[in-house]
Amino acid sequence: MSVRQVGVEEELLLVDPATGRLTAVSRQAVRAHDAVPAADAPVEAELFLQQIETQTPPTTDLGELDTALRRSRRAVGEAAAQAGAAAVAIGTPVLVDGRVTITPQPRYLRIRQEYAELAHSALACAMHVHVDITSPEEGVRVLDGIAPWLPVLLAASANSPYLEGRDTGHASWRSQIWGRWPSHGSGEPFGDVATYHRVVERMVEWGAALDPAMAYFDARLAADLPTVEVRVADVCTEVEDAVLVTALARALVTTAATEDAPAAWRGDLVRAATWRAARHGLAERLVDPATQALAPARDVLGSLVDHVRPALEEAGDVERVEDGLEVLLARGGGATRQRSVMERTGSLEAVVADVRERTEASWRTGAAG
């Protein structure tokens, strides 16, 4: 196929601008957004009242995606401000806030009833990347082929080292929170569409998911769109990082769709590689899927680029991706930035303030149109 369309969903936390602590105002923010005539980006409720979601329209052009992400964040930011809050692009709540509040919608209330504390402790924010596929058969082939590389995308996006007043020792604690769900993660290769649907049906039958929408795989067939949905990444504070992860995800999908024999790993090895990426981000060695050996993060990212280079070239993304990786490696990922602020200030409130300032800067710049 030609260059594939992509779209991005981002989840953000809502915090009190004065304290940096969570505030349960998503319903007020959504109402404020819906009252704006001809609003140019959607703003939606999520599982918690302290959380909000937005999404971009499909596009083939990464420049357009960059603009759309900023426009979506502006919509969320302005809606949050109308509700007396600030929207921050961060993977987990940094400050201690007590019990969070499930959004009182029938589906979310049923999730709370069925999954109890598992649901109550699931407040975390991800970025989901949708990439076009030509058929479910191609989609399952893609899911099996990209699985070994998804930990590299997690490492590049890792943006959740703190949870409720403490350093978790992980670069992405968000991924560990969601890893508790029985339908999460990467299992064995599916092989064909029938097996994929049979696995999802069994999960629903056994109560591990309420319905196919709760198949929280690291990558899945989207329920209502002709896309593969890559769900492994933390939400990124920097829009440039979000675009980079999206470009790499698209290139992985394109590559896996055309490979003669996509690599098939045991699910336990994929999970081990995913945990290592969550633990260290880009600060330590990662598993290189090309060799199944540990290597410096720079080398593994280079291996990923080599693996998908034809797809990047077809999309015209090589220069943008290589430049984006150099920037990311030079300044470190989101987790590195949060820890550097903490080391400099000794204040978790300062960590939240820094993420808030950078989130707002991301939509105050380049979001017009």
Protein backbone atom coordinates (compact mmCIF):
# COMPACT_ATOMS: atom_id res chain seq x y z
CA MET A 1 0.00 0.00 0.00
CA SER A 2 1.01 3.66 -0.18
CA VAL A 3 2.18 5.57 2.88
CA ARG A 4 -0.09 4.54 5.74
CA GLN A 5 -2.25 6.96 7.65
CA VAL A 6 -1.65 7.38 11.37
CA GLY A 7 -3.64 8.84 14.22
CA VAL A 8 -2.77 9.32 17.89
CA GLU A 9 -4.79 9.18 21.10
CA GLU A 10 -3.29 10.89 24.15
CA GLU A 11 -4.38 10.58 27.78
CA LEU A 12 -3.50 13.43 30.14
CA LEU A 13 -3.87 14.01 33.87
CA LEU A 14 -5.85 16.90 35.33
CA VAL A 15 -4.14 18.76 38.17
CA ASP A 16 -4.83 21.77 40.33
CA PRO A 17 -2.66 24.60 38.93
CA ALA A 18 -1.88 25.86 42.44
CA THR A 19 -0.83 22.56 44.04
CA GLY A 20 -0.05 20.17 41.21
CA ARG A 21 -2.32 17.58 42.79
CA LEU A 22 -4.99 15.68 40.90
CA THR A 23 -8.39 17.26 40.52
CA ALA A 24 -11.55 15.38 39.54
CA VAL A 25 -13.02 17.76 36.95
CA SER A 26 -13.01 15.86 33.66
CA ARG A 27 -16.81 16.14 33.30
CA GLN A 28 -16.66 19.91 33.72
CA ALA A 29 -13.80 20.11 31.21
CA VAL A 30 -15.66 18.02 28.63
CA ARG A 31 -18.79 20.16 29.08
CA ALA A 32 -16.74 23.32 28.62
CA HIS A 33 -15.23 21.91 25.44
CA ASP A 34 -18.58 20.77 24.07
CA ALA A 35 -19.99 24.26 24.59
CA VAL A 36 -17.45 25.70 22.14
CA PRO A 37 -19.01 26.05 18.68
CA ALA A 38 -17.19 24.04 16.00
CA ALA A 39 -14.44 22.84 18.30
CA ASP A 40 -11.63 21.55 16.09
CA ALA A 41 -10.40 18.64 18.24
CA PRO A 42 -12.26 16.10 20.40
CA VAL A 43 -12.00 16.03 24.20
CA GLU A 44 -13.36 12.97 25.96
CA ALA A 45 -13.72 11.49 29.43
CA GLU A 46 -11.64 8.53 30.50
CA LEU A 47 -11.76 5.90 33.26
CA PHE A 48 -11.03 8.48 35.99
CA LEU A 49 -12.38 11.95 36.67
CA GLN A 50 -8.77 13.05 37.08
CA GLN A 51 -7.96 12.08 33.49
CA ILE A 52 -8.92 13.26 30.02
CA GLU A 53 -8.32 12.12 26.45
CA THR A 54 -7.94 13.62 23.02
CA GLN A 55 -7.12 12.31 19.56
CA THR A 56 -5.90 13.43 16.18
CA PRO A 57 -7.50 12.87 12.77
CA PRO A 58 -5.78 10.41 10.43
CA THR A 59 -2.95 11.74 8.27
CA THR A 60 0.00 10.46 6.28
CA ASP A 61 2.16 13.52 6.96
CA LEU A 62 4.17 13.83 10.17
CA GLY A 63 4.16 17.63 9.95
CA GLU A 64 0.38 17.55 9.92
CA LEU A 65 0.43 15.12 12.84
CA ASP A 66 2.66 17.49 14.82
CA THR A 67 0.20 20.33 14.23
CA ALA A 68 -2.79 18.12 15.05
CA LEU A 69 -1.24 16.98 18.35
CA ARG A 70 -0.66 20.59 19.38
CA ARG A 71 -4.19 21.52 18.36
CA SER A 72 -5.61 18.61 20.38
CA ARG A 73 -3.56 19.58 23.41
CA ARG A 74 -4.75 23.14 23.07
CA ALA A 75 -8.36 21.92 23.10
CA VAL A 76 -7.69 19.86 26.22
CA GLY A 77 -5.69 22.63 27.88
CA GLU A 78 -8.33 25.28 27.29
CA ALA A 79 -11.14 22.97 28.41
CA ALA A 80 -9.22 22.06 31.55
CA ALA A 81 -8.62 25.75 32.31
CA GLN A 82 -12.37 26.39 32.07
CA ALA A 83 -12.78 23.72 34.77
CA GLY A 84 -10.10 25.31 36.96
CA ALA A 85 -7.47 22.68 36.13
CA ALA A 86 -4.36 22.13 34.05
CA ALA A 87 -3.86 19.17 31.70
CA VAL A 88 -0.42 17.59 31.94
CA ALA A 89 1.16 15.02 29.62
CA ILE A 90 2.69 12.63 32.14
CA GLY A 91 2.36 8.89 32.63
CA THR A 92 1.50 8.66 36.35
CA PRO A 93 0.37 10.94 39.19
CA VAL A 94 3.47 12.27 40.95
CA LEU A 95 1.98 13.61 44.18
CA VAL A 96 0.02 11.76 46.86
CA ASP A 97 -3.67 12.46 46.38
CA GLY A 98 -5.60 9.71 48.13
CA ARG A 99 -8.29 7.69 46.42
CA VAL A 100 -9.03 8.55 42.83
CA THR A 101 -12.55 8.69 41.39
CA ILE A 102 -13.94 6.42 38.68
CA THR A 103 -15.91 8.32 36.06
CA PRO A 104 -19.61 7.59 36.76
CA GLN A 105 -20.48 6.15 33.35
CA PRO A 106 -22.11 2.69 33.13
CA ARG A 107 -19.14 1.02 31.45
CA TYR A 108 -16.59 2.45 33.86
CA LEU A 109 -18.73 1.62 36.87
CA ARG A 110 -19.01 -1.95 35.66
CA ILE A 111 -15.21 -2.12 35.29
CA ARG A 112 -14.93 -0.94 38.88
CA GLN A 113 -17.39 -3.58 40.04
CA GLU A 114 -15.78 -6.44 38.13
CA TYR A 115 -12.11 -5.62 38.72
CA ALA A 116 -12.21 -3.98 42.15
CA GLU A 117 -8.84 -2.65 43.34
CA LEU A 118 -7.27 -3.45 39.97
CA ALA A 119 -9.48 -0.74 38.47
CA HIS A 120 -8.95 1.73 41.32
CA SER A 121 -5.16 1.55 40.98
CA ALA A 122 -5.10 1.94 37.18
CA LEU A 123 -4.74 5.71 36.88
CA ALA A 124 -2.00 6.13 34.26
CA CYS A 125 -1.71 7.84 30.89
CA ALA A 126 -0.63 6.26 27.62
CA MET A 127 -0.28 7.23 23.99
CA HIS A 128 -2.00 4.96 21.45
CA VAL A 129 -0.88 5.03 17.82
CA HIS A 130 -3.25 3.85 15.09
CA VAL A 131 -1.72 2.73 11.79
CA ASP A 132 -3.75 1.74 8.73
CA ILE A 133 -3.88 -1.87 7.61
CA THR A 134 -5.42 -3.36 4.48
CA SER A 135 -7.16 -6.30 6.17
CA PRO A 136 -7.45 -8.14 9.49
CA GLU A 137 -5.18 -10.83 8.05
CA GLU A 138 -2.48 -8.26 7.44
CA GLY A 139 -3.15 -6.84 10.87
CA VAL A 140 -2.50 -10.12 12.68
CA ARG A 141 0.66 -10.62 10.64
CA VAL A 142 1.74 -7.17 11.78
CA LEU A 143 0.94 -7.86 15.44
CA ASP A 144 3.13 -10.95 15.40
CA GLY A 145 5.94 -9.21 13.54
CA ILE A 146 6.22 -6.04 15.61
CA ALA A 147 5.98 -7.64 19.05
CA PRO A 148 9.77 -7.98 19.64
CA TRP A 149 10.29 -4.30 18.77
CA LEU A 150 7.57 -2.79 20.94
CA PRO A 151 9.82 -2.65 24.05
CA VAL A 152 12.07 -0.25 22.15
CA LEU A 153 9.12 2.12 21.61
CA LEU A 154 8.34 1.87 25.32
CA ALA A 155 11.92 2.79 26.23
CA ALA A 156 11.83 5.80 23.91
CA SER A 157 8.56 7.07 25.42
CA ALA A 158 9.15 6.22 29.11
CA ASN A 159 7.72 9.13 31.10
CA SER A 160 6.45 7.85 34.43
CA PRO A 161 9.16 7.33 37.08
CA TYR A 162 7.20 8.74 40.05
CA LEU A 163 4.03 7.49 41.68
CA GLU A 164 2.28 9.26 44.54
CA GLY A 165 5.30 10.73 46.23
CA ARG A 166 7.96 8.12 45.54
CA ASP A 167 10.44 7.16 42.86
CA THR A 168 9.43 3.73 41.57
CA GLY A 169 12.92 2.96 40.28
CA HIS A 170 11.38 2.48 36.83
CA ALA A 171 11.40 4.80 33.84
CA SER A 172 7.86 3.68 32.93
CA TRP A 173 5.78 2.72 35.94
CA ARG A 174 2.68 3.32 33.83
CA SER A 175 3.46 0.14 31.89
CA GLN A 176 3.76 -1.82 35.14
CA ILE A 177 0.42 -0.53 36.40
CA TRP A 178 -1.32 -1.65 33.23
CA GLY A 179 0.63 -4.88 33.20
CA ARG A 180 -1.54 -6.05 36.11
CA TRP A 181 -4.59 -6.40 33.89
CA PRO A 182 -5.15 -10.01 32.81
CA SER A 183 -5.69 -8.94 29.20
CA HIS A 184 -2.59 -6.74 28.96
CA GLY A 185 0.77 -7.22 27.33
CA SER A 186 2.21 -9.47 24.66
CA GLY A 187 1.51 -13.18 24.62
CA GLU A 188 2.28 -15.86 22.08
CA PRO A 189 2.11 -15.10 18.32
CA PHE A 190 -1.44 -15.36 17.00
CA GLY A 191 -0.65 -16.78 13.58
CA ASP A 192 -4.04 -16.04 12.02
CA VAL A 193 -7.17 -13.95 12.45
CA ALA A 194 -9.26 -16.83 13.77
CA THR A 195 -6.80 -17.42 16.61
CA TYR A 196 -6.70 -13.72 17.45
CA HIS A 197 -10.48 -13.55 17.77
CA ARG A 198 -10.62 -16.85 19.65
CA VAL A 199 -8.13 -15.53 22.23
CA VAL A 200 -10.16 -12.35 22.73
CA GLU A 201 -13.40 -14.34 22.97
CA ARG A 202 -11.90 -16.64 25.61
CA MET A 203 -10.71 -13.63 27.63
CA VAL A 204 -14.23 -12.21 27.61
CA GLU A 205 -15.76 -15.61 28.40
CA TRP A 206 -13.41 -16.14 31.35
CA GLY A 207 -13.94 -12.61 32.72
CA ALA A 208 -10.44 -11.33 31.96
CA ALA A 209 -12.11 -8.64 29.82
CA LEU A 210 -15.64 -7.30 29.71
CA ASP A 211 -15.58 -7.11 25.92
CA PRO A 212 -13.07 -6.89 23.04
CA ALA A 213 -12.38 -3.24 23.87
CA MET A 214 -10.70 -4.46 27.06
CA ALA A 215 -8.16 -6.55 25.16
CA TYR A 216 -5.34 -4.36 26.47
CA PHE A 217 -2.60 -5.93 24.36
CA ASP A 218 0.54 -3.89 23.69
CA ALA A 219 -0.74 -3.87 20.11
CA ARG A 220 -4.14 -5.01 18.88
CA LEU A 221 -6.61 -4.84 16.04
CA ALA A 222 -8.71 -1.75 16.64
CA ALA A 223 -12.34 -2.62 17.26
CA ASP A 224 -13.97 0.05 15.08
CA LEU A 225 -11.20 1.13 12.69
CA PRO A 226 -9.16 -0.61 9.98
CA THR A 227 -5.98 -0.11 11.99
CA VAL A 228 -3.43 -1.75 14.21
CA GLU A 229 -3.41 0.11 17.53
CA VAL A 230 0.03 0.27 19.16
CA ARG A 231 -0.61 0.82 22.88
CA VAL A 232 2.81 0.29 24.45
CA ALA A 233 3.97 3.91 24.84
CA ASP A 234 3.70 6.32 27.76
CA VAL A 235 2.17 9.67 26.88
CA CYS A 236 5.09 11.95 25.96
CA THR A 237 5.45 15.46 27.35
CA GLU A 238 7.24 16.65 24.21
CA VAL A 239 5.18 16.55 21.02
CA GLU A 240 8.38 15.88 19.08
CA ASP A 241 8.81 12.62 20.99
CA ALA A 242 5.22 11.61 20.29
CA VAL A 243 5.73 12.20 16.57
CA LEU A 244 8.99 10.21 16.66
CA VAL A 245 7.33 7.22 18.34
CA THR A 246 4.47 7.42 15.83
CA ALA A 247 6.87 7.45 12.88
CA LEU A 248 8.68 4.40 14.21
CA ALA A 249 5.40 2.60 14.92
CA ARG A 250 4.21 3.22 11.36
CA ALA A 251 7.50 2.02 9.94
CA LEU A 252 7.31 -1.15 12.06
CA VAL A 253 3.79 -1.86 10.81
CA THR A 254 4.79 -1.29 7.19
CA THR A 255 7.85 -3.49 7.57
CA ALA A 256 6.04 -6.37 9.28
CA ALA A 257 3.29 -6.31 6.66
CA THR A 258 5.80 -7.03 3.89
CA GLU A 259 8.29 -9.34 5.63
CA ASP A 260 8.56 -12.86 4.25
CA ALA A 261 8.84 -14.39 7.71
CA PRO A 262 8.25 -11.95 10.61
CA ALA A 263 10.18 -12.87 13.73
CA ALA A 264 8.12 -14.81 16.26
CA TRP A 265 9.28 -14.66 19.88
CA ARG A 266 8.05 -16.49 22.93
CA GLY A 267 5.70 -14.29 24.90
CA ASP A 268 7.75 -14.62 28.08
CA LEU A 269 10.82 -13.22 26.33
CA VAL A 270 8.84 -10.30 24.93
CA ARG A 271 7.55 -9.56 28.44
CA ALA A 272 11.08 -9.73 29.85
CA ALA A 273 12.34 -7.29 27.21
CA THR A 274 9.36 -5.04 27.92
CA TRP A 275 10.10 -5.01 31.63
CA ARG A 276 13.73 -4.08 30.99
CA ALA A 277 12.63 -1.18 28.79
CA ALA A 278 10.21 -0.06 31.52
CA ARG A 279 12.86 -0.35 34.21
CA HIS A 280 15.60 1.63 32.50
CA GLY A 281 14.16 3.56 29.57
CA LEU A 282 17.12 4.81 27.53
CA ALA A 283 19.46 5.02 30.53
CA GLU A 284 20.76 1.44 30.32
CA ARG A 285 21.20 -1.39 27.86
CA LEU A 286 18.12 -2.74 26.07
CA VAL A 287 17.34 -6.00 24.32
CA ASP A 288 18.21 -5.68 20.63
CA PRO A 289 15.57 -7.68 18.73
CA ALA A 290 17.97 -8.13 15.82
CA THR A 291 20.37 -10.15 18.00
CA GLN A 292 18.39 -10.98 21.17
CA ALA A 293 21.39 -9.59 23.09
CA LEU A 294 21.72 -6.61 25.41
CA ALA A 295 23.19 -3.49 23.79
CA PRO A 296 23.43 0.25 24.54
CA ALA A 297 20.16 2.10 23.94
CA ARG A 298 21.71 4.14 21.12
CA ASP A 299 22.73 0.95 19.31
CA VAL A 300 19.30 -0.64 19.76
CA LEU A 301 17.56 2.45 18.41
CA GLY A 302 19.98 2.34 15.48
CA SER A 303 19.09 -1.31 14.97
CA LEU A 304 15.41 -0.37 14.89
CA VAL A 305 16.06 2.32 12.27
CA ASP A 306 18.04 -0.14 10.15
CA HIS A 307 15.21 -2.67 10.44
CA VAL A 308 12.58 -0.23 9.18
CA ARG A 309 14.70 1.99 6.92
CA PRO A 310 12.93 1.07 3.64
CA ALA A 311 9.60 1.99 5.22
CA LEU A 312 11.01 5.25 6.56
CA GLU A 313 12.40 6.06 3.13
CA GLU A 314 9.07 5.32 1.45
CA ALA A 315 7.31 7.70 3.85
CA GLY A 316 10.03 10.38 3.61
CA ASP A 317 10.65 10.10 7.36
CA VAL A 318 14.34 9.12 7.57
CA GLU A 319 15.77 12.56 8.33
CA ARG A 320 13.03 13.46 10.79
CA VAL A 321 13.43 10.18 12.67
CA GLU A 322 17.23 10.28 12.79
CA ASP A 323 17.23 13.92 13.93
CA GLY A 324 14.51 13.17 16.49
CA LEU A 325 16.48 10.26 17.93
CA GLU A 326 19.59 12.41 18.27
CA VAL A 327 17.62 15.02 20.19
CA LEU A 328 16.00 12.38 22.40
CA LEU A 329 19.31 10.68 23.20
CA ALA A 330 21.05 14.01 23.89
CA ARG A 331 18.48 15.32 26.39
CA GLY A 332 17.18 11.98 27.64
CA GLY A 333 13.58 10.83 27.73
CA GLY A 334 10.73 12.04 29.88
CA ALA A 335 11.75 10.01 32.92
CA THR A 336 15.26 11.45 32.79
CA ARG A 337 13.89 14.99 32.65
CA GLN A 338 11.58 14.41 35.63
CA ARG A 339 14.41 13.00 37.73
CA SER A 340 16.75 15.84 36.78
CA VAL A 341 14.18 18.37 38.01
CA MET A 342 13.81 16.43 41.25
CA GLU A 343 17.57 16.27 41.75
CA ARG A 344 17.92 19.99 41.10
CA THR A 345 15.00 21.17 43.26
CA GLY A 346 14.30 18.37 45.74
CA SER A 347 10.61 18.99 45.06
CA LEU A 348 8.03 16.75 43.45
CA GLU A 349 5.81 19.81 43.16
CA ALA A 350 8.50 21.26 40.92
CA VAL A 351 8.44 18.10 38.81
CA VAL A 352 4.72 18.53 38.18
CA ALA A 353 5.15 22.26 37.51
CA ASP A 354 7.85 21.54 34.96
CA VAL A 355 5.70 18.98 33.13
CA ARG A 356 2.77 21.40 33.21
CA GLU A 357 4.88 24.21 31.74
CA ARG A 358 6.22 21.98 28.97
CA THR A 359 2.78 20.58 28.18
CA GLU A 360 1.34 24.08 27.89
CA ALA A 361 4.31 25.23 25.82
CA SER A 362 3.63 22.35 23.42
CA TRP A 363 0.18 23.65 22.56
CA ARG A 364 0.93 27.35 22.75
CA THR A 365 3.50 26.75 19.99
CA GLY A 366 2.44 25.59 16.55
CA ALA A 367 -1.21 24.85 17.37
CA ALA A 368 -2.80 27.53 15.23
CA GLY A 369 -4.92 26.67 12.24
